[in-house]
Amino acid sequence: MHPLRVSLHNELHSRPSIYFSEPANVHHLAFFDPEESCSVLVGQLERLADDRLGSNSAQGLLRLARATLKWERHGEFFTLTLVQPRQADDPLWRAWPDDLEALLEPHRERLICATQLLVDAADNWREGPARCGFKDPAASHLGGGDATAWSDFRLDERGVNRLLLVNHGLNAYRLGRMVRRLLEIETYRMMASLSLPVAQQVNQELKDYDRELDRLSECNADGRGSARELSAELARLSARIVRCNARTRQRFGAVTAYAQLVGERIAELRESHVEGCQRLGVFIERRFRPTVRYCLATDQRLNRLAQSVGHLSDLLQVRVQGEVEEQNSAILHSLNARADTQIKIQKAVEGLSIIAISYYLLSLFKLLYQGLHSLGLELSERTALLTLGPLALLILVGVMRRIRRARRH
């Protein structure tokens, strides 16, 4: 048996929903926690709990008096879900217990999503959601008509988004899963929206990058400025774009993943129309999709700008190579001219050398002739010339051949 078989199989049950029956108040908080700093909070919650119903490294279920608390770790956020059974005399929208509020207070600045879901039976809500105080709510029949949900998606004075879920025919298991889907839609929607301020800031930077790229492109097209100077400026611009891309890659990549999860959870609701109200999924899609498209368009614009910088860099590289080839050609032409001059000088030196050798050779023969004449050898000038002339000629021919052979080497 493979050593990972059991753990991999049990991943199917690693994040179960909280199963419960109405009426109940469901509180859900999501904290942006990429560094898992909420791990201390998990220990505090476990010490506060009356009982631990089961946990692993990713999630845990705790019993707090009559309430059930679930904590979950995700890739870059941490969630708490509290299910409180509701009594007849309880307020419509109950607050978190005071002891939990005290534990959560140090983590408030990382709170990205706060949602409260009121779950009740259909018999208690025959008149609709009028008691909830919603303003122009959106509504949908869920699960083929087994439940109905309402919300105006407005934050209350505590910064909490409220939803009402009226159960018509869901058992505890289906009700838990339906509540989980509604809470996940809100959590993933808010996590995806974290990229919006990043995209807005990047768009301001891209305006400057576009102007700089336009200026460099015009200079290159008009031939103004040195190619090396333009390449240096383009390299600095490219470095700024790469830095911006590296800074935003993870955030923009998360937008696609979270938006896809939101779409999947809306589809799993199996919505149908409630007369006089806009469907929940339609309301979310119409207002959430522009945020996603804006972030993705900013990411695409950044990538296209990086590609344009790369194309201009290639053009400048071709221009630099052309200038280098022209310089090399001028250098080669100069070397050829120098070589021709050196050859001419060498030929002139060879000619002068032949003349000098001939002069010294004839002078030597003249001394030889005078020496022989002083020794009493009777030689006429004509005879001496005929005898020594061919010898001098042979010597000169030999010297010239040796010079040419050395030059060839």
Protein backbone atom coordinates (compact mmCIF):
# COMPACT_ATOMS: atom_id res chain seq x y z
CA MET A 1 0.00 0.00 0.00
CA HIS A 2 1.29 3.42 -0.90
CA PRO A 3 2.26 5.39 2.26
CA LEU A 4 0.16 8.40 1.17
CA ARG A 5 -2.95 6.47 0.12
CA VAL A 6 -4.96 7.03 3.32
CA SER A 7 -4.09 10.73 3.73
CA LEU A 8 -4.80 11.47 0.06
CA HIS A 9 -8.11 9.64 0.20
CA ASN A 10 -9.16 11.49 3.36
CA GLU A 11 -8.67 14.84 1.59
CA LEU A 12 -12.29 14.32 0.47
CA HIS A 13 -13.32 14.84 4.10
CA SER A 14 -10.68 17.37 5.16
CA ARG A 15 -13.05 20.38 5.13
CA PRO A 16 -16.55 19.22 6.15
CA SER A 17 -19.43 21.64 6.50
CA ILE A 18 -21.14 22.38 9.81
CA TYR A 19 -24.42 20.47 9.82
CA PHE A 20 -27.23 22.03 11.86
CA SER A 21 -30.96 22.74 11.86
CA GLU A 22 -32.72 26.08 11.88
CA PRO A 23 -33.28 28.48 13.50
CA ALA A 24 -29.70 29.71 13.90
CA ASN A 25 -27.41 32.67 13.49
CA VAL A 26 -24.28 31.92 11.45
CA HIS A 27 -21.35 34.31 11.82
CA HIS A 28 -18.48 34.14 9.37
CA LEU A 29 -15.20 36.07 9.47
CA ALA A 30 -12.31 35.90 7.00
CA PHE A 31 -8.89 37.35 7.85
CA PHE A 32 -6.25 38.11 5.24
CA ASP A 33 -3.43 36.02 6.67
CA PRO A 34 -0.70 35.14 4.13
CA GLU A 35 1.86 34.63 6.92
CA GLU A 36 -0.43 32.44 9.08
CA SER A 37 -0.20 34.84 12.00
CA CYS A 38 -3.64 33.63 13.20
CA SER A 39 -2.10 30.39 14.46
CA VAL A 40 -1.94 31.96 17.95
CA LEU A 41 -5.68 32.58 17.73
CA VAL A 42 -6.30 28.86 17.09
CA GLY A 43 -4.61 27.95 20.36
CA GLN A 44 -6.62 30.57 22.25
CA LEU A 45 -9.89 29.28 20.78
CA GLU A 46 -9.06 25.68 21.66
CA ARG A 47 -8.34 26.67 25.26
CA LEU A 48 -11.65 28.55 25.40
CA ALA A 49 -13.68 25.66 23.93
CA ASP A 50 -15.68 23.20 26.00
CA ASP A 51 -14.91 20.35 23.63
CA ARG A 52 -12.90 19.60 20.48
CA LEU A 53 -15.04 17.80 17.92
CA GLY A 54 -12.21 17.06 15.53
CA SER A 55 -9.36 18.89 13.86
CA ASN A 56 -6.39 18.59 11.52
CA SER A 57 -3.78 20.99 10.22
CA ALA A 58 -6.31 22.72 7.93
CA GLN A 59 -9.45 23.00 10.06
CA GLY A 60 -11.00 22.30 13.42
CA LEU A 61 -14.43 22.04 15.05
CA LEU A 62 -14.95 23.33 18.59
CA ARG A 63 -17.94 23.29 20.95
CA LEU A 64 -18.60 26.57 22.78
CA ALA A 65 -21.58 26.03 25.11
CA ARG A 66 -24.49 25.50 22.66
CA ALA A 67 -22.62 27.01 19.70
CA THR A 68 -20.29 25.34 17.21
CA LEU A 69 -17.16 27.12 16.01
CA LYS A 70 -15.13 26.09 12.97
CA TRP A 71 -11.73 27.50 12.02
CA GLU A 72 -10.08 26.92 8.65
CA ARG A 73 -6.71 27.76 7.15
CA HIS A 74 -6.57 28.57 3.46
CA GLY A 75 -3.76 29.63 1.17
CA GLU A 76 -3.68 33.29 2.19
CA PHE A 77 -6.64 33.73 4.50
CA PHE A 78 -8.08 32.30 7.70
CA THR A 79 -11.79 31.87 8.45
CA LEU A 80 -13.95 31.48 11.53
CA THR A 81 -17.56 30.27 11.32
CA LEU A 82 -19.78 30.28 14.39
CA VAL A 83 -23.22 28.62 14.40
CA GLN A 84 -25.45 29.77 17.27
CA PRO A 85 -28.85 28.10 17.76
CA ARG A 86 -31.47 30.81 18.02
CA GLN A 87 -34.12 31.03 20.72
CA ALA A 88 -37.51 32.70 20.29
CA ASP A 89 -36.57 35.64 22.51
CA ASP A 90 -33.13 36.20 20.94
CA PRO A 91 -32.47 39.35 18.91
CA LEU A 92 -32.89 38.96 15.18
CA TRP A 93 -29.21 39.63 14.48
CA ARG A 94 -27.13 38.35 17.38
CA ALA A 95 -23.61 39.60 17.99
CA TRP A 96 -20.53 37.48 18.60
CA PRO A 97 -20.11 36.30 22.20
CA ASP A 98 -18.12 38.76 24.31
CA ASP A 99 -15.31 36.31 25.10
CA LEU A 100 -14.77 35.66 21.37
CA GLU A 101 -14.89 39.37 20.59
CA ALA A 102 -12.02 39.97 23.01
CA LEU A 103 -9.89 37.31 21.29
CA LEU A 104 -10.64 38.67 17.82
CA GLU A 105 -9.95 42.32 18.59
CA PRO A 106 -6.13 42.17 17.95
CA HIS A 107 -6.80 40.73 14.48
CA ARG A 108 -9.46 43.22 13.35
CA GLU A 109 -7.17 45.14 11.02
CA ARG A 110 -6.73 41.98 8.91
CA LEU A 111 -10.47 41.31 8.69
CA ILE A 112 -11.44 41.23 4.99
CA CYS A 113 -14.92 39.69 5.16
CA ALA A 114 -17.62 39.69 7.86
CA THR A 115 -20.93 37.98 7.07
CA GLN A 116 -23.91 37.06 9.22
CA LEU A 117 -26.51 34.58 7.98
CA LEU A 118 -29.88 34.28 9.68
CA VAL A 119 -31.30 30.78 9.07
CA ASP A 120 -34.93 30.11 9.91
CA ALA A 121 -37.90 27.96 8.94
CA ALA A 122 -40.36 29.06 6.27
CA ASP A 123 -43.26 29.16 8.77
CA ASN A 124 -41.64 32.10 10.57
CA TRP A 125 -41.16 34.16 7.40
CA ARG A 126 -44.40 33.95 5.47
CA GLU A 127 -44.42 37.73 5.05
CA GLY A 128 -40.94 37.79 3.51
CA PRO A 129 -37.81 39.62 4.68
CA ALA A 130 -39.55 42.83 5.81
CA ARG A 131 -38.33 42.45 9.41
CA CYS A 132 -34.68 42.30 8.32
CA GLY A 133 -34.53 45.94 7.28
CA PHE A 134 -33.15 45.20 3.84
CA LYS A 135 -33.26 47.99 1.25
CA ASP A 136 -34.18 46.75 -2.23
CA PRO A 137 -32.88 43.21 -1.58
CA ALA A 138 -31.83 40.63 -4.13
CA ALA A 139 -33.36 37.17 -3.67
CA SER A 140 -33.26 33.67 -5.10
CA HIS A 141 -34.90 30.32 -4.60
CA LEU A 142 -32.03 27.89 -3.96
CA GLY A 143 -31.59 24.15 -4.41
CA GLY A 144 -34.55 23.75 -6.72
CA GLY A 145 -36.87 25.73 -4.42
CA ASP A 146 -35.92 24.06 -1.11
CA ALA A 147 -34.68 27.37 0.34
CA THR A 148 -34.90 31.10 -0.31
CA ALA A 149 -32.17 33.67 0.36
CA TRP A 150 -32.39 37.47 0.60
CA SER A 151 -29.73 40.18 1.01
CA ASP A 152 -29.19 43.79 0.06
CA PHE A 153 -25.37 43.33 0.34
CA ARG A 154 -25.04 46.48 2.47
CA LEU A 155 -22.83 46.63 5.55
CA ASP A 156 -24.46 47.38 8.88
CA GLU A 157 -23.03 49.70 11.54
CA ARG A 158 -20.60 46.95 12.62
CA GLY A 159 -19.38 46.41 9.05
CA VAL A 160 -21.20 43.09 8.64
CA ASN A 161 -23.00 41.92 5.49
CA ARG A 162 -26.32 40.28 6.36
CA LEU A 163 -28.20 37.49 4.57
CA LEU A 164 -31.46 35.75 5.34
CA LEU A 165 -31.90 32.07 4.45
CA VAL A 166 -35.41 30.60 4.78
CA ASN A 167 -35.49 26.80 4.75
CA HIS A 168 -38.37 25.11 2.95
CA GLY A 169 -37.17 21.52 2.69
CA LEU A 170 -33.43 21.17 3.32
CA ASN A 171 -32.24 18.61 5.84
CA ALA A 172 -29.34 19.40 8.18
CA TYR A 173 -26.70 18.14 5.72
CA ARG A 174 -27.98 20.05 2.70
CA LEU A 175 -28.58 23.13 4.84
CA GLY A 176 -24.97 23.08 6.07
CA ARG A 177 -23.65 22.79 2.54
CA MET A 178 -25.95 25.56 1.27
CA VAL A 179 -24.81 27.91 4.04
CA ARG A 180 -21.19 27.07 3.26
CA ARG A 181 -21.68 27.99 -0.40
CA LEU A 182 -23.22 31.36 0.46
CA LEU A 183 -20.39 32.17 2.89
CA GLU A 184 -17.71 31.06 0.41
CA ILE A 185 -19.19 33.30 -2.29
CA GLU A 186 -18.75 36.33 -0.03
CA THR A 187 -15.27 35.29 1.14
CA TYR A 188 -13.87 34.53 -2.32
CA ARG A 189 -15.49 37.67 -3.75
CA MET A 190 -13.76 39.85 -1.18
CA MET A 191 -10.43 38.07 -1.58
CA ALA A 192 -10.61 38.63 -5.33
CA SER A 193 -11.46 42.29 -4.76
CA LEU A 194 -8.18 42.74 -2.87
CA SER A 195 -6.56 43.10 -6.28
CA LEU A 196 -8.62 46.17 -7.21
CA PRO A 197 -6.49 48.80 -5.36
CA VAL A 198 -3.36 47.07 -6.68
CA ALA A 199 -4.70 47.30 -10.23
CA GLN A 200 -5.60 50.98 -9.76
CA GLN A 201 -2.09 51.79 -8.55
CA VAL A 202 -0.48 49.78 -11.37
CA ASN A 203 -2.62 51.60 -13.94
CA GLN A 204 -1.18 54.92 -12.76
CA GLU A 205 2.33 53.52 -13.15
CA LEU A 206 1.52 52.11 -16.58
CA LYS A 207 0.61 55.59 -17.83
CA ASP A 208 4.16 56.74 -17.08
CA TYR A 209 5.63 53.58 -18.62
CA ASP A 210 3.55 54.07 -21.78
CA ARG A 211 4.72 57.66 -22.19
CA GLU A 212 8.34 56.65 -21.70
CA LEU A 213 7.99 53.81 -24.20
CA ASP A 214 6.35 56.14 -26.75
CA ARG A 215 9.22 58.62 -26.39
CA LEU A 216 11.87 55.94 -26.87
CA SER A 217 9.99 54.50 -29.85
CA GLU A 218 9.82 57.93 -31.51
CA CYS A 219 13.53 58.53 -30.92
CA ASN A 220 14.35 55.14 -32.42
CA ALA A 221 12.06 55.65 -35.42
CA ASP A 222 13.47 59.12 -36.16
CA GLY A 223 17.06 58.05 -35.59
CA ARG A 224 17.49 60.61 -32.81
CA GLY A 225 19.96 59.80 -30.09
CA SER A 226 22.61 57.16 -29.82
CA ALA A 227 21.44 53.58 -29.96
CA ARG A 228 23.53 52.80 -26.91
CA GLU A 229 21.92 55.60 -24.90
CA LEU A 230 18.44 54.51 -26.00
CA SER A 231 19.28 50.91 -25.06
CA ALA A 232 20.39 52.03 -21.60
CA GLU A 233 17.16 53.99 -21.04
CA LEU A 234 15.10 51.07 -22.34
CA ALA A 235 16.91 48.70 -19.99
CA ARG A 236 15.97 50.91 -17.03
CA LEU A 237 12.34 51.01 -18.19
CA SER A 238 12.32 47.23 -18.61
CA ALA A 239 13.70 46.77 -15.09
CA ARG A 240 10.86 48.91 -13.66
CA ILE A 241 8.23 46.91 -15.58
CA VAL A 242 9.72 43.59 -14.46
CA ARG A 243 9.71 44.80 -10.85
CA CYS A 244 6.06 45.84 -11.17
CA ASN A 245 5.18 42.50 -12.76
CA ALA A 246 6.91 40.55 -10.01
CA ARG A 247 5.15 42.62 -7.34
CA THR A 248 1.66 42.02 -8.76
CA ARG A 249 1.92 38.55 -10.32
CA GLN A 250 0.60 36.68 -7.29
CA ARG A 251 -2.23 39.12 -6.63
CA PHE A 252 -3.46 39.15 -10.24
CA GLY A 253 -3.11 35.38 -10.46
CA ALA A 254 -5.32 35.02 -7.39
CA VAL A 255 -8.08 37.07 -9.05
CA THR A 256 -8.66 34.41 -11.68
CA ALA A 257 -8.74 31.59 -9.14
CA TYR A 258 -11.10 33.35 -6.71
CA ALA A 259 -13.41 34.57 -9.49
CA GLN A 260 -13.68 31.03 -10.82
CA LEU A 261 -14.60 29.76 -7.34
CA VAL A 262 -17.26 32.45 -7.00
CA GLY A 263 -18.77 31.41 -10.33
CA GLU A 264 -18.72 27.73 -9.36
CA ARG A 265 -20.39 28.37 -5.98
CA ILE A 266 -23.12 30.49 -7.61
CA ALA A 267 -23.80 27.70 -10.09
CA GLU A 268 -24.03 25.18 -7.21
CA LEU A 269 -26.81 27.25 -5.61
CA ARG A 270 -29.17 26.24 -8.48
CA GLU A 271 -30.98 29.55 -8.31
CA SER A 272 -34.43 30.33 -9.58
CA HIS A 273 -36.23 33.66 -9.79
CA VAL A 274 -38.11 35.25 -6.88
CA GLU A 275 -40.88 37.50 -8.15
CA GLY A 276 -40.03 41.19 -7.88
CA CYS A 277 -36.36 40.65 -6.95
CA GLN A 278 -33.10 40.35 -8.78
CA ARG A 279 -31.38 37.00 -8.33
CA LEU A 280 -28.43 36.90 -5.92
CA GLY A 281 -26.12 35.46 -8.55
CA VAL A 282 -27.07 38.09 -11.12
CA PHE A 283 -26.56 40.89 -8.58
CA ILE A 284 -23.09 39.60 -7.66
CA GLU A 285 -22.02 38.85 -11.23
CA ARG A 286 -23.02 42.28 -12.55
CA ARG A 287 -21.09 44.13 -9.85
CA PHE A 288 -18.24 41.72 -9.25
CA ARG A 289 -17.29 40.85 -12.83
CA PRO A 290 -16.20 44.41 -13.74
CA THR A 291 -13.71 44.30 -10.87
CA VAL A 292 -12.31 41.00 -12.14
CA ARG A 293 -12.15 42.23 -15.73
CA TYR A 294 -10.42 45.45 -14.65
CA CYS A 295 -7.74 43.50 -12.77
CA LEU A 296 -7.22 41.02 -15.60
CA ALA A 297 -7.10 43.83 -18.17
CA THR A 298 -4.46 45.60 -16.08
CA ASP A 299 -2.42 42.39 -15.90
CA GLN A 300 -2.72 41.92 -19.68
CA ARG A 301 -1.76 45.55 -20.27
CA LEU A 302 1.32 45.09 -18.11
CA ASN A 303 2.31 41.95 -20.00
CA ARG A 304 1.73 43.61 -23.39
CA LEU A 305 3.84 46.56 -22.30
CA ALA A 306 6.64 44.18 -21.33
CA GLN A 307 6.37 42.55 -24.76
CA SER A 308 6.49 45.94 -26.50
CA VAL A 309 9.61 46.86 -24.54
CA GLY A 310 11.12 43.56 -25.63
CA HIS A 311 10.32 44.26 -29.31
CA LEU A 312 11.82 47.74 -29.11
CA SER A 313 14.87 46.29 -27.40
CA ASP A 314 15.28 43.86 -30.31
CA LEU A 315 15.04 46.74 -32.79
CA LEU A 316 17.63 48.74 -30.89
CA GLN A 317 19.86 45.68 -30.74
CA VAL A 318 19.67 45.39 -34.53
CA ARG A 319 20.52 49.08 -34.79
CA VAL A 320 23.47 48.69 -32.44
CA GLN A 321 24.70 45.69 -34.40
CA GLY A 322 24.45 47.73 -37.62
CA GLU A 323 26.49 50.52 -36.09
CA VAL A 324 29.05 48.01 -34.81
CA GLU A 325 29.28 46.43 -38.26
CA GLU A 326 29.84 49.86 -39.81
CA GLN A 327 32.59 50.57 -37.29
CA ASN A 328 34.14 47.17 -37.97
CA SER A 329 33.98 47.82 -41.72
CA ALA A 330 35.71 51.19 -41.25
CA ILE A 331 38.37 49.54 -39.13
CA LEU A 332 38.91 46.81 -41.73
CA HIS A 333 39.10 49.42 -44.49
CA SER A 334 41.68 51.33 -42.45
CA LEU A 335 43.65 48.13 -41.87
CA ASN A 336 43.56 47.35 -45.59
CA ALA A 337 44.80 50.85 -46.40
CA ARG A 338 47.61 50.46 -43.88
CA ALA A 339 48.49 47.06 -45.31
CA ASP A 340 48.64 48.51 -48.84
CA THR A 341 50.86 51.34 -47.61
CA GLN A 342 53.11 48.88 -45.83
CA ILE A 343 53.38 46.74 -48.98
CA LYS A 344 54.32 49.78 -51.05
CA ILE A 345 56.88 50.83 -48.46
CA GLN A 346 58.19 47.28 -48.38
CA LYS A 347 58.54 47.21 -52.17
CA ALA A 348 60.33 50.54 -52.10
CA VAL A 349 62.66 49.24 -49.40
CA GLU A 350 63.30 46.10 -51.45
CA GLY A 351 64.16 48.21 -54.49
CA LEU A 352 66.50 50.37 -52.47
CA SER A 353 68.02 47.25 -50.95
CA ILE A 354 68.70 45.82 -54.42
CA ILE A 355 70.33 49.09 -55.49
CA ALA A 356 72.46 49.18 -52.31
CA ILE A 357 73.48 45.53 -52.71
CA SER A 358 74.34 46.12 -56.35
CA TYR A 359 76.44 49.16 -55.41
CA TYR A 360 78.32 47.31 -52.68
CA LEU A 361 78.79 44.24 -54.88
CA LEU A 362 80.21 46.26 -57.75
CA SER A 363 82.45 48.12 -55.32
CA LEU A 364 83.66 44.78 -53.99
CA PHE A 365 84.37 43.50 -57.50
CA LYS A 366 86.18 46.71 -58.31
CA LEU A 367 88.43 46.29 -55.27
CA LEU A 368 89.00 42.65 -56.24
CA TYR A 369 89.95 43.67 -59.77
CA GLN A 370 92.33 46.36 -58.47
CA GLY A 371 93.88 43.90 -56.04
CA LEU A 372 94.47 41.33 -58.75
CA HIS A 373 95.86 43.99 -61.06
CA SER A 374 98.31 45.16 -58.37
CA LEU A 375 99.48 41.58 -57.90
CA GLY A 376 100.58 41.56 -61.51
CA LEU A 377 97.69 39.74 -63.04
CA GLU A 378 97.08 41.25 -66.39
CA LEU A 379 93.31 41.49 -66.98
CA SER A 380 91.68 43.92 -69.28
CA GLU A 381 88.65 45.81 -68.11
CA ARG A 382 86.60 44.10 -70.81
CA THR A 383 87.64 40.65 -69.63
CA ALA A 384 87.00 41.51 -65.96
CA LEU A 385 83.58 42.90 -66.84
CA LEU A 386 82.62 39.79 -68.81
CA THR A 387 83.85 37.55 -65.99
CA LEU A 388 82.46 39.33 -62.93
CA GLY A 389 79.27 40.80 -64.48
CA PRO A 390 77.38 37.47 -64.80
CA LEU A 391 78.55 36.50 -61.31
CA ALA A 392 77.16 39.73 -59.87
CA LEU A 393 73.92 39.20 -61.75
CA LEU A 394 73.54 35.66 -60.34
CA ILE A 395 74.17 36.94 -56.81
CA LEU A 396 71.49 39.65 -57.20
CA VAL A 397 68.96 37.15 -58.59
CA GLY A 398 69.59 34.86 -55.59
CA VAL A 399 69.15 37.73 -53.14
CA MET A 400 65.82 38.79 -54.78
CA ARG A 401 64.47 35.22 -54.63
CA ARG A 402 65.29 34.93 -50.93
CA ILE A 403 63.55 38.28 -50.24
CA ARG A 404 60.40 37.19 -52.09
CA ARG A 405 60.39 33.81 -50.32
CA ALA A 406 60.62 35.54 -46.94
CA ARG A 407 57.80 37.94 -47.89
CA ARG A 408 55.56 35.00 -48.86
CA HIS A 409 56.11 33.47 -45.42
